[in-house]
Amino acid sequence: MWHFGTDSLSEYAGERFEMTWEDGEHALLRIYTKDMKDGIRIRKERQEYPGVKLDAAVYEKLHT
């Protein structure tokens, strides 16, 4: 499994939350609050099981 994620640029001051759902491509999508050194941020993350060899998976990510 690998994770592709991004954090929000600004600090978040609302209630903590976590949402997770599965898309049709064997991947989990998550949006949640994350404690960082400079405060709480919102993180968006995609977790995938590529199901192919590493070199083929990297090639596909770079060329699609």
PDB file of N, CA and C in Angstrom:
ATOM      1  N   MET A   1       0.845  -1.168   0.000  1.00  0.00           N
ATOM      2  CA  MET A   1       0.000   0.000   0.000  1.00  0.00           C
ATOM      3  C   MET A   1       0.889   1.229   0.000  1.00  0.00           C
ATOM      4  N   TRP A   2       0.417   2.258  -0.687  1.00  0.00           N
ATOM      5  CA  TRP A   2       1.098   3.534  -0.606  1.00  0.00           C
ATOM      6  C   TRP A   2       0.088   4.633  -0.343  1.00  0.00           C
ATOM      7  N   HIS A   3       0.596   5.768   0.109  1.00  0.00           N
ATOM      8  CA  HIS A   3      -0.251   6.894   0.478  1.00  0.00           C
ATOM      9  C   HIS A   3       0.197   8.108  -0.332  1.00  0.00           C
ATOM     10  N   PHE A   4      -0.765   8.809  -0.909  1.00  0.00           N
ATOM     11  CA  PHE A   4      -0.521  10.102  -1.530  1.00  0.00           C
ATOM     12  C   PHE A   4      -1.343  11.095  -0.730  1.00  0.00           C
ATOM     13  N   GLY A   5      -0.684  12.092  -0.150  1.00  0.00           N
ATOM     14  CA  GLY A   5      -1.429  13.009   0.704  1.00  0.00           C
ATOM     15  C   GLY A   5      -0.954  14.432   0.579  1.00  0.00           C
ATOM     16  N   THR A   6      -1.851  15.348   0.924  1.00  0.00           N
ATOM     17  CA  THR A   6      -1.525  16.772   0.976  1.00  0.00           C
ATOM     18  C   THR A   6      -2.141  17.357   2.244  1.00  0.00           C
ATOM     19  N   ASP A   7      -1.470  18.349   2.793  1.00  0.00           N
ATOM     20  CA  ASP A   7      -1.953  19.046   3.980  1.00  0.00           C
ATOM     21  C   ASP A   7      -2.411  20.444   3.584  1.00  0.00           C
ATOM     22  N   SER A   8      -3.399  20.969   4.299  1.00  0.00           N
ATOM     23  CA  SER A   8      -3.886  22.318   4.017  1.00  0.00           C
ATOM     24  C   SER A   8      -2.785  23.336   4.329  1.00  0.00           C
ATOM     25  N   LEU A   9      -2.846  24.468   3.663  1.00  0.00           N
ATOM     26  CA  LEU A   9      -1.850  25.516   3.889  1.00  0.00           C
ATOM     27  C   LEU A   9      -2.148  26.316   5.149  1.00  0.00           C
ATOM     28  N   SER A  10      -3.416  26.430   5.501  1.00  0.00           N
ATOM     29  CA  SER A  10      -3.773  27.235   6.667  1.00  0.00           C
ATOM     30  C   SER A  10      -4.164  26.345   7.839  1.00  0.00           C
ATOM     31  N   GLU A  11      -4.058  26.907   9.024  1.00  0.00           N
ATOM     32  CA  GLU A  11      -4.407  26.189  10.250  1.00  0.00           C
ATOM     33  C   GLU A  11      -5.919  26.037  10.348  1.00  0.00           C
ATOM     34  N   TYR A  12      -6.366  24.959  10.956  1.00  0.00           N
ATOM     35  CA  TYR A  12      -7.788  24.653  11.116  1.00  0.00           C
ATOM     36  C   TYR A  12      -8.142  24.749  12.591  1.00  0.00           C
ATOM     37  N   ALA A  13      -9.251  25.424  12.931  1.00  0.00           N
ATOM     38  CA  ALA A  13      -9.618  25.627  14.336  1.00  0.00           C
ATOM     39  C   ALA A  13     -10.965  24.999  14.696  1.00  0.00           C
ATOM     40  N   GLY A  14     -11.574  24.254  13.789  1.00  0.00           N
ATOM     41  CA  GLY A  14     -12.877  23.666  14.064  1.00  0.00           C
ATOM     42  C   GLY A  14     -12.771  22.338  14.803  1.00  0.00           C
ATOM     43  N   GLU A  15     -13.890  21.603  14.822  1.00  0.00           N
ATOM     44  CA  GLU A  15     -13.928  20.290  15.463  1.00  0.00           C
ATOM     45  C   GLU A  15     -13.069  19.295  14.702  1.00  0.00           C
ATOM     46  N   ARG A  16     -12.471  18.369  15.439  1.00  0.00           N
ATOM     47  CA  ARG A  16     -11.692  17.307  14.802  1.00  0.00           C
ATOM     48  C   ARG A  16     -12.647  16.356  14.091  1.00  0.00           C
ATOM     49  N   PHE A  17     -12.205  15.798  12.969  1.00  0.00           N
ATOM     50  CA  PHE A  17     -13.043  14.888  12.211  1.00  0.00           C
ATOM     51  C   PHE A  17     -12.190  13.923  11.400  1.00  0.00           C
ATOM     52  N   GLU A  18     -12.813  12.875  10.916  1.00  0.00           N
ATOM     53  CA  GLU A  18     -12.197  11.927   9.993  1.00  0.00           C
ATOM     54  C   GLU A  18     -13.304  11.331   9.134  1.00  0.00           C
ATOM     55  N   MET A  19     -13.100  11.335   7.822  1.00  0.00           N
ATOM     56  CA  MET A  19     -14.035  10.722   6.885  1.00  0.00           C
ATOM     57  C   MET A  19     -13.234   9.789   5.986  1.00  0.00           C
ATOM     58  N   THR A  20     -13.757   8.589   5.769  1.00  0.00           N
ATOM     59  CA  THR A  20     -13.079   7.605   4.925  1.00  0.00           C
ATOM     60  C   THR A  20     -14.110   6.968   4.011  1.00  0.00           C
ATOM     61  N   TRP A  21     -13.754   6.780   2.753  1.00  0.00           N
ATOM     62  CA  TRP A  21     -14.618   6.056   1.835  1.00  0.00           C
ATOM     63  C   TRP A  21     -13.768   5.383   0.773  1.00  0.00           C
ATOM     64  N   GLU A  22     -14.329   4.388   0.118  1.00  0.00           N
ATOM     65  CA  GLU A  22     -13.625   3.630  -0.911  1.00  0.00           C
ATOM     66  C   GLU A  22     -14.146   4.059  -2.275  1.00  0.00           C
ATOM     67  N   ASP A  23     -13.231   4.277  -3.206  1.00  0.00           N
ATOM     68  CA  ASP A  23     -13.678   4.584  -4.563  1.00  0.00           C
ATOM     69  C   ASP A  23     -13.691   3.307  -5.400  1.00  0.00           C
ATOM     70  N   GLY A  24     -14.038   3.387  -6.639  1.00  0.00           N
ATOM     71  CA  GLY A  24     -14.165   2.213  -7.488  1.00  0.00           C
ATOM     72  C   GLY A  24     -12.855   1.674  -8.023  1.00  0.00           C
ATOM     73  N   GLU A  25     -11.744   2.217  -7.593  1.00  0.00           N
ATOM     74  CA  GLU A  25     -10.436   1.808  -8.117  1.00  0.00           C
ATOM     75  C   GLU A  25      -9.566   1.161  -7.046  1.00  0.00           C
ATOM     76  N   HIS A  26     -10.159   0.461  -6.087  1.00  0.00           N
ATOM     77  CA  HIS A  26      -9.418  -0.214  -5.015  1.00  0.00           C
ATOM     78  C   HIS A  26      -8.544   0.756  -4.234  1.00  0.00           C
ATOM     79  N   ALA A  27      -9.117   1.913  -3.907  1.00  0.00           N
ATOM     80  CA  ALA A  27      -8.390   2.914  -3.136  1.00  0.00           C
ATOM     81  C   ALA A  27      -9.292   3.450  -2.028  1.00  0.00           C
ATOM     82  N   LEU A  28      -8.670   3.815  -0.920  1.00  0.00           N
ATOM     83  CA  LEU A  28      -9.367   4.486   0.166  1.00  0.00           C
ATOM     84  C   LEU A  28      -9.044   5.971   0.113  1.00  0.00           C
ATOM     85  N   LEU A  29     -10.040   6.797   0.300  1.00  0.00           N
ATOM     86  CA  LEU A  29      -9.859   8.234   0.366  1.00  0.00           C
ATOM     87  C   LEU A  29     -10.172   8.663   1.788  1.00  0.00           C
ATOM     88  N   ARG A  30      -9.302   9.500   2.364  1.00  0.00           N
ATOM     89  CA  ARG A  30      -9.505   9.963   3.737  1.00  0.00           C
ATOM     90  C   ARG A  30      -9.283  11.467   3.798  1.00  0.00           C
ATOM     91  N   ILE A  31     -10.117  12.125   4.562  1.00  0.00           N
ATOM     92  CA  ILE A  31      -9.925  13.533   4.898  1.00  0.00           C
ATOM     93  C   ILE A  31     -10.056  13.608   6.410  1.00  0.00           C
ATOM     94  N   TYR A  32      -9.059  14.205   7.076  1.00  0.00           N
ATOM     95  CA  TYR A  32      -9.071  14.218   8.538  1.00  0.00           C
ATOM     96  C   TYR A  32      -8.213  15.351   9.067  1.00  0.00           C
ATOM     97  N   THR A  33      -8.376  15.630  10.366  1.00  0.00           N
ATOM     98  CA  THR A  33      -7.539  16.631  11.019  1.00  0.00           C
ATOM     99  C   THR A  33      -6.250  15.957  11.486  1.00  0.00           C
ATOM    100  N   LYS A  34      -5.166  16.711  11.400  1.00  0.00           N
ATOM    101  CA  LYS A  34      -3.850  16.170  11.754  1.00  0.00           C
ATOM    102  C   LYS A  34      -3.090  17.196  12.593  1.00  0.00           C
ATOM    103  N   ASP A  35      -2.533  16.743  13.711  1.00  0.00           N
ATOM    104  CA  ASP A  35      -1.699  17.611  14.540  1.00  0.00           C
ATOM    105  C   ASP A  35      -0.345  17.799  13.870  1.00  0.00           C
ATOM    106  N   MET A  36       0.026  19.056  13.675  1.00  0.00           N
ATOM    107  CA  MET A  36       1.317  19.398  13.094  1.00  0.00           C
ATOM    108  C   MET A  36       2.080  20.249  14.110  1.00  0.00           C
ATOM    109  N   LYS A  37       3.353  20.498  13.869  1.00  0.00           N
ATOM    110  CA  LYS A  37       4.151  21.313  14.785  1.00  0.00           C
ATOM    111  C   LYS A  37       3.584  22.718  14.947  1.00  0.00           C
ATOM    112  N   ASP A  38       2.993  23.254  13.880  1.00  0.00           N
ATOM    113  CA  ASP A  38       2.501  24.626  13.916  1.00  0.00           C
ATOM    114  C   ASP A  38       0.979  24.721  14.064  1.00  0.00           C
ATOM    115  N   GLY A  39       0.319  23.648  14.482  1.00  0.00           N
ATOM    116  CA  GLY A  39      -1.123  23.678  14.701  1.00  0.00           C
ATOM    117  C   GLY A  39      -1.825  22.495  14.047  1.00  0.00           C
ATOM    118  N   ILE A  40      -3.126  22.582  13.968  1.00  0.00           N
ATOM    119  CA  ILE A  40      -3.925  21.513  13.375  1.00  0.00           C
ATOM    120  C   ILE A  40      -4.195  21.860  11.910  1.00  0.00           C
ATOM    121  N   ARG A  41      -4.025  20.897  11.051  1.00  0.00           N
ATOM    122  CA  ARG A  41      -4.263  21.061   9.615  1.00  0.00           C
ATOM    123  C   ARG A  41      -5.263  20.011   9.143  1.00  0.00           C
ATOM    124  N   ILE A  42      -5.831  20.246   7.987  1.00  0.00           N
ATOM    125  CA  ILE A  42      -6.677  19.242   7.345  1.00  0.00           C
ATOM    126  C   ILE A  42      -5.810  18.492   6.346  1.00  0.00           C
ATOM    127  N   ARG A  43      -5.903  17.161   6.368  1.00  0.00           N
ATOM    128  CA  ARG A  43      -5.111  16.323   5.465  1.00  0.00           C
ATOM    129  C   ARG A  43      -6.049  15.538   4.561  1.00  0.00           C
ATOM    130  N   LYS A  44      -5.722  15.526   3.280  1.00  0.00           N
ATOM    131  CA  LYS A  44      -6.440  14.719   2.295  1.00  0.00           C
ATOM    132  C   LYS A  44      -5.478  13.633   1.828  1.00  0.00           C
ATOM    133  N   GLU A  45      -5.930  12.390   1.858  1.00  0.00           N
ATOM    134  CA  GLU A  45      -5.020  11.277   1.600  1.00  0.00           C
ATOM    135  C   GLU A  45      -5.719  10.227   0.741  1.00  0.00           C
ATOM    136  N   ARG A  46      -4.965   9.626  -0.151  1.00  0.00           N
ATOM    137  CA  ARG A  46      -5.444   8.515  -0.979  1.00  0.00           C
ATOM    138  C   ARG A  46      -4.529   7.328  -0.703  1.00  0.00           C
ATOM    139  N   GLN A  47      -5.106   6.211  -0.281  1.00  0.00           N
ATOM    140  CA  GLN A  47      -4.346   4.997   0.008  1.00  0.00           C
ATOM    141  C   GLN A  47      -4.678   3.967  -1.063  1.00  0.00           C
ATOM    142  N   GLU A  48      -3.652   3.445  -1.717  1.00  0.00           N
ATOM    143  CA  GLU A  48      -3.878   2.518  -2.820  1.00  0.00           C
ATOM    144  C   GLU A  48      -3.082   1.232  -2.654  1.00  0.00           C
ATOM    145  N   TYR A  49      -3.663   0.171  -3.156  1.00  0.00           N
ATOM    146  CA  TYR A  49      -2.961  -1.084  -3.376  1.00  0.00           C
ATOM    147  C   TYR A  49      -2.824  -1.205  -4.885  1.00  0.00           C
ATOM    148  N   PRO A  50      -1.643  -0.959  -5.450  1.00  0.00           N
ATOM    149  CA  PRO A  50      -1.541  -0.907  -6.902  1.00  0.00           C
ATOM    150  C   PRO A  50      -1.805  -2.243  -7.605  1.00  0.00           C
ATOM    151  N   GLY A  51      -1.506  -3.367  -6.999  1.00  0.00           N
ATOM    152  CA  GLY A  51      -1.785  -4.663  -7.618  1.00  0.00           C
ATOM    153  C   GLY A  51      -0.896  -5.010  -8.801  1.00  0.00           C
ATOM    154  N   VAL A  52       0.152  -4.235  -9.018  1.00  0.00           N
ATOM    155  CA  VAL A  52       1.132  -4.516 -10.075  1.00  0.00           C
ATOM    156  C   VAL A  52       2.527  -4.316  -9.494  1.00  0.00           C
ATOM    157  N   LYS A  53       3.535  -4.713 -10.239  1.00  0.00           N
ATOM    158  CA  LYS A  53       4.915  -4.516  -9.780  1.00  0.00           C
ATOM    159  C   LYS A  53       5.212  -3.026  -9.624  1.00  0.00           C
ATOM    160  N   LEU A  54       6.146  -2.716  -8.727  1.00  0.00           N
ATOM    161  CA  LEU A  54       6.464  -1.333  -8.394  1.00  0.00           C
ATOM    162  C   LEU A  54       6.809  -0.501  -9.622  1.00  0.00           C
ATOM    163  N   ASP A  55       7.667  -0.999 -10.506  1.00  0.00           N
ATOM    164  CA  ASP A  55       8.070  -0.203 -11.677  1.00  0.00           C
ATOM    165  C   ASP A  55       6.881   0.116 -12.579  1.00  0.00           C
ATOM    166  N   ALA A  56       5.965  -0.823 -12.749  1.00  0.00           N
ATOM    167  CA  ALA A  56       4.772  -0.585 -13.571  1.00  0.00           C
ATOM    168  C   ALA A  56       3.843   0.422 -12.902  1.00  0.00           C
ATOM    169  N   ALA A  57       3.701   0.339 -11.584  1.00  0.00           N
ATOM    170  CA  ALA A  57       2.839   1.268 -10.865  1.00  0.00           C
ATOM    171  C   ALA A  57       3.384   2.695 -10.925  1.00  0.00           C
ATOM    172  N   VAL A  58       4.697   2.849 -10.743  1.00  0.00           N
ATOM    173  CA  VAL A  58       5.310   4.183 -10.814  1.00  0.00           C
ATOM    174  C   VAL A  58       5.173   4.742 -12.220  1.00  0.00           C
ATOM    175  N   TYR A  59       5.406   3.940 -13.225  1.00  0.00           N
ATOM    176  CA  TYR A  59       5.269   4.386 -14.626  1.00  0.00           C
ATOM    177  C   TYR A  59       3.838   4.867 -14.871  1.00  0.00           C
ATOM    178  N   GLU A  60       2.863   4.097 -14.408  1.00  0.00           N
ATOM    179  CA  GLU A  60       1.471   4.482 -14.612  1.00  0.00           C
ATOM    180  C   GLU A  60       1.147   5.814 -13.940  1.00  0.00           C
ATOM    181  N   LYS A  61       1.632   6.013 -12.707  1.00  0.00           N
ATOM    182  CA  LYS A  61       1.387   7.277 -11.998  1.00  0.00           C
ATOM    183  C   LYS A  61       2.013   8.472 -12.708  1.00  0.00           C
ATOM    184  N   LEU A  62       3.198   8.269 -13.261  1.00  0.00           N
ATOM    185  CA  LEU A  62       3.901   9.359 -13.921  1.00  0.00           C
ATOM    186  C   LEU A  62       3.351   9.687 -15.306  1.00  0.00           C
ATOM    187  N   HIS A  63       2.675   8.750 -15.936  1.00  0.00           N
ATOM    188  CA  HIS A  63       2.253   8.931 -17.331  1.00  0.00           C
ATOM    189  C   HIS A  63       0.742   8.938 -17.526  1.00  0.00           C
ATOM    190  N   THR A  64      -0.017   9.121 -16.469  1.00  0.00           N
ATOM    191  CA  THR A  64      -1.481   9.216 -16.643  1.00  0.00           C
ATOM    192  C   THR A  64      -1.995  10.485 -16.050  1.00  0.00           C
TER     193      THR A  64
END
